[in-house]
Amino acid sequence: MTRKRKKILALLAVMCMLFTMHEGQIESYATEVSGAESEQPITEPVVEEDSALANGFIIDNAGTLAGYEGAGGDVIVPSEVTAISSGVFAGNTSLTSVTLPASVVMLGTGVFANCTNLTTVTIQGNISSIPAQTFYNCSNLRSVYVPGSVTSIGSDAFAECVSLSGITIPASVTSIGERAFFDCSSLSGVSIPEAVSSIGANAFTGCSNMTSYSVASGNGHYASSGGCLYNKSMTRFLRCPEGRSSVSIEAGTRTIASNAFYQCAAIRSLTIPSSVTTIESNAFTDSGISDVTMMASVTNIGSQSGWTADIIYGETNSAAETYANNNSIVFQALNATPSTETETETETETEKKSGTENPGDGNNGGSGNNGSGSNGGSTGGNGGSAVGSGNGTSGATKTTGGTAYTSGSAKTTSTNGKDTTPKTGDGINPIFFFCIAFLLTGGCLFIVGKKKAAR
């Protein structure tokens, strides 16, 4: 029994050893397999590079173009873009043209600002506005297609676009911001559609070649006449195009607005109609107007910095005269008549002959003083009658309505009662001397002829 137990125990011990050895091999194998798997690299699926990213477009998950790092030139924005962040292309001088797809419905501010080599932009999407400074200082921009969905053009949107020669403002636009087209010196004209109800200050200032504003007849806030911009009732003159050389302000205008003629360098002369009562401050600032005519109806003239006229024509005791005097400008009264000098005869023949003449009263001539001359008398004033008395040998002179008759043989005509009878040193008619000379000459010839005949 003891021997059997020993054999059983020995058998159990052998079995335990075998099991222990086999378990170690299993653990060793498991460790080897685990270590081998951990050493193998984990690889991700290969994805082809996105074409938009390859062209330099950085687009976020919402479809917004957040950046651009492309080569420039003619750029077509990808169709998956729905919005463009502010300043995405700003300052990029390598851009020459840009096309925005129909998917783009929103622009940020200053998207193309300072893209100085950009020449054309096509907007195909239904954007609602051209935001502030969108094309600011795009100095080579020549054309922009603005879609009919746009309702507002922001401040400085096209400012300093000096090569922009024309633009069509769609009928949907209701507001044009301040300085929207500032210094667009190549613009020659602009059409304001019916819907526009707000035009910001200096929206078209610096457009030096613009000669015409044209406002749609159905516009409820603005009107145009002679190429100039007015309010709807045409009582307020708002703006004269800077490229005009002459202008006629509509009768019925009451106010010349501030900056109305700002930088209108080509206009030299201006006549303000009698309906105008107010000229606002700086209406003529930096203009070329050198002479201006103002009626007495103008009662209020604001200060005009940067402008001094050569001459102001107006009525005396008017606001025009006061303004001219206060600003050292020559004033010429419209109702002034030039003074003329009238020559009056200071001495008459009777003065020379008989002394000093006493002036007549227009009805009765003054009486001549007794003098040493041979002819006495006087002349009636202003066509009146005069009867002279004196110690002279000649009779009275009577003047009636400008015709003078003397008691001598000569009849003369005078102007304004002045005697025009030829005068000699002793008062004798020159014909008398002629007759004597003729007789003496004839007598001499007769005597000479007799003597020759006698010989």
Protein backbone atom coordinates (compact mmCIF):
# COMPACT_ATOMS: atom_id res chain seq x y z
CA MET A 1 0.00 0.00 0.00
CA THR A 2 2.78 2.35 0.78
CA ARG A 3 4.59 1.44 -2.41
CA LYS A 4 1.45 2.12 -4.48
CA ARG A 5 1.01 5.48 -2.91
CA LYS A 6 4.54 6.41 -3.71
CA LYS A 7 4.03 5.45 -7.34
CA ILE A 8 0.84 7.51 -7.52
CA LEU A 9 2.51 10.52 -5.94
CA ALA A 10 5.45 10.20 -8.30
CA LEU A 11 3.09 10.02 -11.26
CA LEU A 12 1.25 13.11 -10.06
CA ALA A 13 4.54 14.95 -9.64
CA VAL A 14 5.59 14.08 -13.19
CA MET A 15 2.24 15.26 -14.51
CA CYS A 16 2.57 18.55 -12.61
CA MET A 17 5.98 19.16 -14.05
CA LEU A 18 4.79 18.50 -17.55
CA PHE A 19 1.85 20.86 -17.10
CA THR A 20 4.08 23.58 -15.66
CA MET A 21 6.48 23.36 -18.58
CA HIS A 22 3.65 23.48 -21.13
CA GLU A 23 2.06 26.57 -19.47
CA GLY A 24 5.37 28.42 -19.67
CA GLN A 25 5.59 27.73 -23.36
CA ILE A 26 2.06 29.03 -23.89
CA GLU A 27 2.83 32.26 -21.99
CA SER A 28 6.10 32.66 -23.87
CA TYR A 29 4.33 32.24 -27.20
CA ALA A 30 1.61 34.69 -26.22
CA THR A 31 4.24 37.23 -25.22
CA GLU A 32 6.08 36.76 -28.48
CA VAL A 33 2.91 37.22 -30.51
CA SER A 34 1.88 40.30 -28.54
CA GLY A 35 5.30 41.90 -28.92
CA ALA A 36 5.37 41.21 -32.63
CA GLU A 37 1.99 42.87 -33.14
CA SER A 38 3.00 46.01 -31.17
CA GLU A 39 6.08 46.48 -33.28
CA GLN A 40 4.12 46.65 -36.58
CA PRO A 41 3.32 50.39 -37.69
CA ILE A 42 -0.31 51.53 -37.86
CA THR A 43 -1.01 53.05 -41.31
CA GLU A 44 -3.96 55.42 -42.32
CA PRO A 45 -5.79 55.15 -45.62
CA VAL A 46 -4.13 57.24 -48.36
CA VAL A 47 -6.31 60.25 -49.43
CA GLU A 48 -5.66 62.21 -52.62
CA GLU A 49 -4.83 65.92 -52.12
CA ASP A 50 -7.89 68.24 -52.52
CA SER A 51 -7.83 70.26 -55.76
CA ALA A 52 -8.98 73.50 -54.02
CA LEU A 53 -6.16 73.21 -51.50
CA ALA A 54 -3.75 72.45 -54.30
CA ASN A 55 -4.71 75.79 -55.98
CA GLY A 56 -4.13 77.78 -52.79
CA PHE A 57 -7.72 78.06 -51.56
CA ILE A 58 -8.27 77.53 -47.86
CA ILE A 59 -11.91 76.57 -47.26
CA ASP A 60 -13.43 75.77 -43.87
CA ASN A 61 -16.12 73.18 -43.19
CA ALA A 62 -18.88 75.77 -43.57
CA GLY A 63 -17.84 76.53 -47.14
CA THR A 64 -16.25 79.88 -46.35
CA LEU A 65 -13.11 80.86 -48.20
CA ALA A 66 -10.85 81.72 -45.29
CA GLY A 67 -7.60 82.33 -47.15
CA TYR A 68 -5.78 82.25 -50.44
CA GLU A 69 -2.15 81.26 -51.04
CA GLY A 70 -2.27 80.63 -54.76
CA ALA A 71 -0.14 82.00 -57.57
CA GLY A 72 -2.63 84.69 -58.63
CA GLY A 73 -3.35 85.55 -62.26
CA ASP A 74 -6.85 84.69 -63.47
CA VAL A 75 -8.55 83.14 -60.46
CA ILE A 76 -11.80 81.17 -60.40
CA VAL A 77 -13.09 80.55 -56.91
CA PRO A 78 -14.24 76.91 -56.36
CA SER A 79 -17.94 76.18 -56.59
CA GLU A 80 -18.11 74.78 -53.04
CA VAL A 81 -17.43 78.26 -51.62
CA THR A 82 -20.55 80.02 -50.29
CA ALA A 83 -18.97 82.98 -48.52
CA ILE A 84 -15.68 84.90 -48.64
CA SER A 85 -14.09 86.21 -45.47
CA SER A 86 -12.96 89.81 -45.08
CA GLY A 87 -9.68 90.69 -46.73
CA VAL A 88 -9.04 87.24 -48.26
CA PHE A 89 -7.40 88.67 -51.38
CA ALA A 90 -6.45 92.09 -49.91
CA GLY A 91 -3.08 93.40 -51.02
CA ASN A 92 -2.51 90.55 -53.48
CA THR A 93 -0.81 92.28 -56.41
CA SER A 94 -0.56 89.08 -58.47
CA LEU A 95 -4.30 88.87 -59.14
CA THR A 96 -5.42 90.00 -62.60
CA SER A 97 -9.03 88.76 -62.69
CA VAL A 98 -11.42 86.97 -60.35
CA THR A 99 -14.65 85.08 -60.99
CA LEU A 100 -16.94 84.37 -58.06
CA PRO A 101 -19.28 81.40 -58.71
CA ALA A 102 -23.05 81.38 -58.29
CA SER A 103 -22.60 79.58 -54.96
CA VAL A 104 -21.11 82.69 -53.32
CA VAL A 105 -23.86 84.67 -51.55
CA MET A 106 -21.86 86.77 -49.10
CA LEU A 107 -18.72 88.92 -49.13
CA GLY A 108 -16.78 90.27 -46.19
CA THR A 109 -15.31 93.79 -46.09
CA GLY A 110 -12.21 94.70 -48.05
CA VAL A 111 -12.08 91.39 -49.93
CA PHE A 112 -10.09 92.84 -52.85
CA ALA A 113 -8.68 96.00 -51.23
CA ASN A 114 -5.34 97.18 -52.66
CA CYS A 115 -5.24 94.50 -55.38
CA THR A 116 -3.57 97.02 -57.66
CA ASN A 117 -3.23 94.74 -60.72
CA LEU A 118 -6.77 93.40 -60.64
CA THR A 119 -8.55 94.44 -63.87
CA THR A 120 -11.90 92.58 -63.94
CA VAL A 121 -14.23 90.95 -61.44
CA THR A 122 -17.31 88.87 -62.28
CA ILE A 123 -19.82 88.17 -59.53
CA GLN A 124 -22.21 85.38 -60.49
CA GLY A 125 -23.78 84.75 -57.09
CA ASN A 126 -26.82 86.45 -55.56
CA ILE A 127 -24.97 88.60 -53.07
CA SER A 128 -27.00 91.29 -51.30
CA SER A 129 -24.34 93.97 -50.95
CA ILE A 130 -20.96 95.26 -52.03
CA PRO A 131 -19.52 95.81 -48.54
CA ALA A 132 -17.26 98.64 -47.41
CA GLN A 133 -13.86 98.85 -49.13
CA THR A 134 -14.52 95.76 -51.26
CA PHE A 135 -12.50 97.17 -54.19
CA TYR A 136 -10.69 99.99 -52.39
CA ASN A 137 -7.64 101.20 -54.33
CA CYS A 138 -7.91 98.61 -57.08
CA SER A 139 -6.18 101.15 -59.31
CA ASN A 140 -6.30 99.02 -62.48
CA LEU A 141 -9.87 97.79 -62.08
CA ARG A 142 -11.72 98.59 -65.30
CA SER A 143 -14.97 96.66 -65.09
CA VAL A 144 -17.15 95.00 -62.50
CA TYR A 145 -20.35 93.10 -63.09
CA VAL A 146 -22.68 93.80 -60.18
CA PRO A 147 -25.60 91.34 -60.00
CA GLY A 148 -29.22 92.44 -59.73
CA SER A 149 -29.49 91.04 -56.21
CA VAL A 150 -27.34 93.82 -54.71
CA THR A 151 -29.30 96.34 -52.62
CA SER A 152 -26.47 98.40 -51.12
CA ILE A 153 -23.03 99.68 -52.06
CA GLY A 154 -20.95 100.31 -48.94
CA SER A 155 -18.69 103.19 -48.02
CA ASP A 156 -15.43 103.36 -50.00
CA ALA A 157 -16.56 100.26 -51.92
CA PHE A 158 -14.95 101.52 -55.16
CA ALA A 159 -12.90 104.41 -53.76
CA GLU A 160 -9.62 105.16 -55.58
CA CYS A 161 -10.53 102.90 -58.51
CA VAL A 162 -9.00 105.45 -60.87
CA SER A 163 -9.28 103.24 -63.99
CA LEU A 164 -12.97 102.39 -63.56
CA SER A 165 -14.53 104.02 -66.63
CA GLY A 166 -18.08 102.79 -66.21
CA ILE A 167 -20.37 100.88 -63.89
CA THR A 168 -24.00 99.85 -64.02
CA ILE A 169 -25.77 100.26 -60.72
CA PRO A 170 -28.57 97.66 -60.74
CA ALA A 171 -32.18 98.68 -60.23
CA SER A 172 -32.26 96.82 -56.91
CA VAL A 173 -29.81 99.21 -55.18
CA THR A 174 -31.40 101.41 -52.51
CA SER A 175 -28.34 103.03 -50.91
CA ILE A 176 -24.92 104.27 -51.98
CA GLY A 177 -22.52 104.80 -49.09
CA GLU A 178 -20.17 107.66 -48.26
CA ARG A 179 -17.22 107.96 -50.63
CA ALA A 180 -18.47 104.89 -52.48
CA PHE A 181 -16.91 106.10 -55.75
CA PHE A 182 -14.45 108.60 -54.32
CA ASP A 183 -11.66 109.57 -56.75
CA CYS A 184 -12.96 107.37 -59.57
CA SER A 185 -11.43 109.86 -61.97
CA SER A 186 -12.22 107.88 -65.15
CA LEU A 187 -15.99 107.80 -64.58
CA SER A 188 -17.75 110.05 -67.09
CA GLY A 189 -21.30 109.57 -65.88
CA VAL A 190 -23.54 107.60 -63.59
CA SER A 191 -27.20 106.54 -63.67
CA ILE A 192 -29.11 106.54 -60.40
CA PRO A 193 -31.95 103.97 -60.48
CA GLU A 194 -35.45 104.47 -59.09
CA ALA A 195 -34.91 102.56 -55.84
CA VAL A 196 -32.03 104.68 -54.53
CA SER A 197 -33.17 106.64 -51.49
CA SER A 198 -29.81 107.45 -49.92
CA ILE A 199 -26.56 108.79 -51.38
CA GLY A 200 -23.80 109.31 -48.83
CA ALA A 201 -21.59 112.37 -48.50
CA ASN A 202 -18.82 112.64 -51.09
CA ALA A 203 -20.09 109.50 -52.84
CA PHE A 204 -18.82 110.85 -56.18
CA THR A 205 -16.28 113.43 -55.02
CA GLY A 206 -13.03 113.34 -56.98
CA CYS A 207 -14.71 112.03 -60.15
CA SER A 208 -12.97 114.77 -62.11
CA ASN A 209 -14.14 113.62 -65.56
CA MET A 210 -17.78 113.10 -64.67
CA THR A 211 -20.09 115.36 -66.66
CA SER A 212 -23.52 113.96 -65.95
CA TYR A 213 -25.80 112.58 -63.26
CA SER A 214 -28.87 110.86 -64.65
CA VAL A 215 -31.68 109.97 -62.25
CA ALA A 216 -34.52 107.65 -63.21
CA SER A 217 -37.76 109.60 -63.51
CA GLY A 218 -39.54 107.35 -61.03
CA ASN A 219 -37.04 108.00 -58.22
CA GLY A 220 -38.86 109.39 -55.19
CA HIS A 221 -35.89 111.16 -53.58
CA TYR A 222 -33.62 112.56 -56.32
CA ALA A 223 -33.88 114.26 -59.70
CA SER A 224 -31.49 115.52 -62.34
CA SER A 225 -31.44 118.44 -64.75
CA GLY A 226 -28.69 119.66 -67.04
CA GLY A 227 -26.53 116.82 -65.76
CA CYS A 228 -26.73 118.09 -62.16
CA LEU A 229 -28.17 116.36 -59.09
CA TYR A 230 -31.16 117.81 -57.18
CA ASN A 231 -33.60 116.66 -54.55
CA LYS A 232 -36.91 115.34 -55.88
CA SER A 233 -38.73 118.70 -55.70
CA MET A 234 -35.72 120.42 -57.32
CA THR A 235 -35.60 123.06 -54.62
CA ARG A 236 -32.15 121.98 -53.45
CA PHE A 237 -29.13 121.90 -55.77
CA LEU A 238 -27.06 118.97 -54.47
CA ARG A 239 -24.13 118.39 -56.80
CA CYS A 240 -22.60 119.61 -60.00
CA PRO A 241 -20.47 117.04 -61.88
CA GLU A 242 -16.82 118.00 -61.50
CA GLY A 243 -16.10 117.60 -65.21
CA ARG A 244 -18.56 120.28 -66.40
CA SER A 245 -17.33 123.64 -67.68
CA SER A 246 -20.68 125.44 -67.44
CA VAL A 247 -23.92 125.00 -65.56
CA SER A 248 -27.40 126.49 -65.44
CA ILE A 249 -29.22 126.23 -62.12
CA GLU A 250 -32.93 125.50 -62.41
CA ALA A 251 -35.36 128.32 -61.64
CA GLY A 252 -37.22 127.43 -58.45
CA THR A 253 -34.08 126.27 -56.66
CA ARG A 254 -33.96 127.70 -53.14
CA THR A 255 -30.77 126.26 -51.67
CA ILE A 256 -27.26 125.63 -52.98
CA ALA A 257 -26.10 122.73 -50.82
CA SER A 258 -22.73 122.31 -49.13
CA ASN A 259 -20.09 120.92 -51.52
CA ALA A 260 -22.41 121.53 -54.48
CA PHE A 261 -19.50 122.86 -56.57
CA TYR A 262 -16.66 121.20 -54.66
CA GLN A 263 -13.65 120.69 -56.95
CA CYS A 264 -15.55 121.90 -60.04
CA ALA A 265 -12.36 123.41 -61.41
CA ALA A 266 -13.55 124.02 -65.00
CA ILE A 267 -16.47 126.34 -64.17
CA ARG A 268 -15.48 130.01 -64.29
CA SER A 269 -18.76 131.95 -64.23
CA LEU A 270 -22.00 131.28 -62.37
CA THR A 271 -25.37 133.04 -62.28
CA ILE A 272 -27.61 132.21 -59.34
CA PRO A 273 -31.34 132.54 -60.10
CA SER A 274 -33.55 134.90 -58.13
CA SER A 275 -35.35 131.99 -56.46
CA VAL A 276 -32.28 131.07 -54.38
CA THR A 277 -32.27 132.31 -50.79
CA THR A 278 -29.48 130.28 -49.17
CA ILE A 279 -25.95 129.32 -50.13
CA GLU A 280 -24.66 126.82 -47.60
CA SER A 281 -21.15 126.75 -46.17
CA ASN A 282 -18.46 125.40 -48.52
CA ALA A 283 -20.82 125.26 -51.49
CA PHE A 284 -18.00 126.71 -53.65
CA THR A 285 -14.99 125.20 -51.84
CA ASP A 286 -12.05 124.44 -54.14
CA SER A 287 -14.05 125.41 -57.23
CA GLY A 288 -12.77 127.46 -60.15
CA ILE A 289 -15.65 129.96 -60.08
CA SER A 290 -14.12 133.42 -60.48
CA ASP A 291 -17.21 135.56 -60.97
CA VAL A 292 -20.67 134.98 -59.59
CA THR A 293 -23.92 136.90 -59.93
CA MET A 294 -26.31 136.88 -56.97
CA MET A 295 -29.72 138.48 -56.73
CA ALA A 296 -31.03 140.30 -53.67
CA SER A 297 -33.11 137.20 -52.90
CA VAL A 298 -29.97 135.56 -51.49
CA THR A 299 -30.09 136.44 -47.80
CA ASN A 300 -27.83 133.80 -46.28
CA ILE A 301 -24.30 133.02 -47.50
CA GLY A 302 -22.21 130.58 -45.47
CA SER A 303 -18.42 130.69 -45.17
CA GLN A 304 -16.57 129.31 -48.18
CA SER A 305 -13.18 127.91 -47.20
CA GLY A 306 -10.69 127.51 -50.02
CA TRP A 307 -12.57 129.85 -52.38
CA THR A 308 -12.21 133.51 -53.26
CA ALA A 309 -13.93 135.02 -56.28
CA ASP A 310 -12.44 137.77 -58.43
CA ILE A 311 -15.72 139.68 -58.56
CA ILE A 312 -19.27 139.37 -57.25
CA TYR A 313 -22.13 141.02 -59.10
CA GLY A 314 -25.17 141.89 -57.04
CA GLU A 315 -27.53 144.56 -55.83
CA THR A 316 -26.51 147.26 -53.42
CA ASN A 317 -27.19 146.72 -49.72
CA SER A 318 -27.57 142.96 -50.33
CA ALA A 319 -26.01 139.90 -48.70
CA ALA A 320 -23.84 139.59 -51.82
CA GLU A 321 -22.34 143.04 -51.21
CA THR A 322 -21.80 142.30 -47.52
CA TYR A 323 -20.07 139.01 -48.31
CA ALA A 324 -17.85 140.66 -50.90
CA ASN A 325 -16.83 143.45 -48.53
CA ASN A 326 -16.16 141.05 -45.65
CA ASN A 327 -13.95 138.84 -47.82
CA SER A 328 -12.08 141.52 -49.78
CA ILE A 329 -13.76 140.61 -53.06
CA VAL A 330 -14.53 143.22 -55.71
CA PHE A 331 -18.23 144.02 -55.79
CA GLN A 332 -20.05 145.43 -58.82
CA ALA A 333 -23.58 146.71 -58.34
CA LEU A 334 -25.98 145.47 -61.00
CA ASN A 335 -28.10 148.65 -60.85
CA ALA A 336 -25.16 151.07 -61.12
CA THR A 337 -24.96 153.32 -64.22
CA PRO A 338 -21.58 154.49 -65.41
CA SER A 339 -20.97 158.23 -64.80
CA THR A 340 -20.42 160.45 -67.87
CA GLU A 341 -18.81 163.84 -68.04
CA THR A 342 -20.73 166.60 -69.81
CA GLU A 343 -18.85 169.42 -71.37
CA THR A 344 -20.39 172.80 -70.68
CA GLU A 345 -19.40 175.98 -72.26
CA THR A 346 -18.01 178.22 -69.56
CA GLU A 347 -17.70 181.34 -71.58
CA THR A 348 -19.97 182.89 -74.17
CA GLU A 349 -19.14 185.50 -76.73
CA THR A 350 -20.91 188.14 -74.65
CA GLU A 351 -18.62 187.31 -71.70
CA LYS A 352 -15.63 187.93 -73.91
CA LYS A 353 -17.06 191.21 -75.14
CA SER A 354 -18.96 192.71 -72.29
CA GLY A 355 -17.88 191.03 -69.07
CA THR A 356 -19.27 188.34 -66.74
CA GLU A 357 -22.56 186.60 -67.44
CA ASN A 358 -25.21 186.22 -64.78
CA PRO A 359 -26.75 182.71 -65.07
CA GLY A 360 -30.38 182.42 -66.19
CA ASP A 361 -33.04 180.55 -64.27
CA GLY A 362 -34.25 178.40 -67.18
CA ASN A 363 -37.00 180.84 -68.10
CA ASN A 364 -35.45 184.26 -68.20
CA GLY A 365 -31.92 184.89 -69.29
CA GLY A 366 -29.62 186.85 -67.09
CA SER A 367 -28.81 190.39 -68.09
CA GLY A 368 -25.40 191.22 -69.43
CA ASN A 369 -23.31 193.77 -67.58
CA ASN A 370 -22.20 196.87 -69.37
CA GLY A 371 -18.73 196.14 -70.56
CA SER A 372 -16.18 197.42 -72.88
CA GLY A 373 -16.94 194.93 -75.62
CA SER A 374 -18.91 195.74 -78.70
CA ASN A 375 -21.73 193.23 -78.08
CA GLY A 376 -23.76 193.19 -74.89
CA GLY A 377 -26.35 190.73 -73.74
CA SER A 378 -26.64 187.24 -72.30
CA THR A 379 -27.88 183.77 -73.15
CA GLY A 380 -30.96 182.11 -71.56
CA GLY A 381 -30.40 178.91 -69.62
CA ASN A 382 -31.68 175.49 -70.73
CA GLY A 383 -33.29 176.61 -73.93
CA GLY A 384 -35.08 179.58 -72.34
CA SER A 385 -35.33 182.96 -74.03
CA ALA A 386 -32.77 185.62 -73.43
CA VAL A 387 -32.86 189.32 -74.24
CA GLY A 388 -29.57 191.02 -73.67
CA SER A 389 -29.07 194.69 -73.03
CA GLY A 390 -25.88 196.60 -73.21
CA ASN A 391 -23.87 199.18 -74.98
CA GLY A 392 -22.84 196.94 -77.88
CA THR A 393 -23.82 197.44 -81.46
CA SER A 394 -25.49 194.10 -82.06
CA GLY A 395 -29.08 193.31 -81.21
CA ALA A 396 -30.60 190.68 -78.93
CA THR A 397 -30.09 186.93 -79.26
CA LYS A 398 -33.17 184.73 -78.92
CA THR A 399 -32.88 181.01 -78.32
CA THR A 400 -35.89 178.78 -78.86
CA GLY A 401 -35.71 175.00 -78.56
CA GLY A 402 -32.07 174.93 -79.60
CA THR A 403 -32.19 177.25 -82.69
CA ALA A 404 -30.56 180.63 -82.32
CA TYR A 405 -31.32 183.67 -84.45
CA THR A 406 -29.15 186.73 -84.32
CA SER A 407 -29.89 190.25 -85.47
CA GLY A 408 -27.09 189.91 -88.00
CA SER A 409 -27.28 188.23 -91.37
CA ALA A 410 -26.13 184.76 -90.26
CA LYS A 411 -28.43 182.04 -89.04
CA THR A 412 -26.85 179.18 -86.98
CA THR A 413 -28.04 176.09 -85.19
CA SER A 414 -26.93 175.27 -81.67
CA THR A 415 -27.01 172.20 -79.44
CA ASN A 416 -28.63 172.51 -76.02
CA GLY A 417 -29.07 176.28 -76.55
CA LYS A 418 -25.40 176.94 -77.27
CA ASP A 419 -24.74 179.59 -79.95
CA THR A 420 -22.61 178.14 -82.73
CA THR A 421 -22.34 181.23 -84.92
CA PRO A 422 -18.77 181.55 -86.25
CA LYS A 423 -16.90 184.21 -84.36
CA THR A 424 -13.99 186.43 -85.29
CA GLY A 425 -11.77 188.69 -83.28
CA ASP A 426 -13.95 191.80 -83.73
CA GLY A 427 -17.34 190.15 -84.15
CA ILE A 428 -17.64 190.97 -87.96
CA ASN A 429 -18.90 188.23 -90.25
CA PRO A 430 -15.99 186.58 -92.18
CA ILE A 431 -17.96 186.93 -95.45
CA PHE A 432 -17.50 190.69 -95.19
CA PHE A 433 -13.72 190.29 -95.35
CA PHE A 434 -14.03 187.91 -98.27
CA CYS A 435 -16.08 190.44 -100.25
CA ILE A 436 -13.59 193.25 -99.57
CA ALA A 437 -10.69 191.03 -100.62
CA PHE A 438 -12.54 190.10 -103.80
CA LEU A 439 -13.27 193.73 -104.70
CA LEU A 440 -9.69 194.83 -104.00
CA THR A 441 -8.30 192.02 -106.13
CA GLY A 442 -10.70 192.83 -108.96
CA GLY A 443 -9.84 196.52 -108.74
CA CYS A 444 -6.14 195.85 -108.89
CA LEU A 445 -6.54 193.62 -111.92
CA PHE A 446 -8.66 196.30 -113.62
CA ILE A 447 -6.07 199.03 -113.05
CA VAL A 448 -3.23 196.82 -114.24
CA GLY A 449 -5.19 195.99 -117.38
CA LYS A 450 -5.83 199.70 -118.12
CA LYS A 451 -2.16 200.54 -117.82
CA LYS A 452 -1.19 197.77 -120.23
CA ALA A 453 -3.80 198.94 -122.69
CA ALA A 454 -2.51 202.52 -122.49
CA ARG A 455 1.00 201.36 -123.38
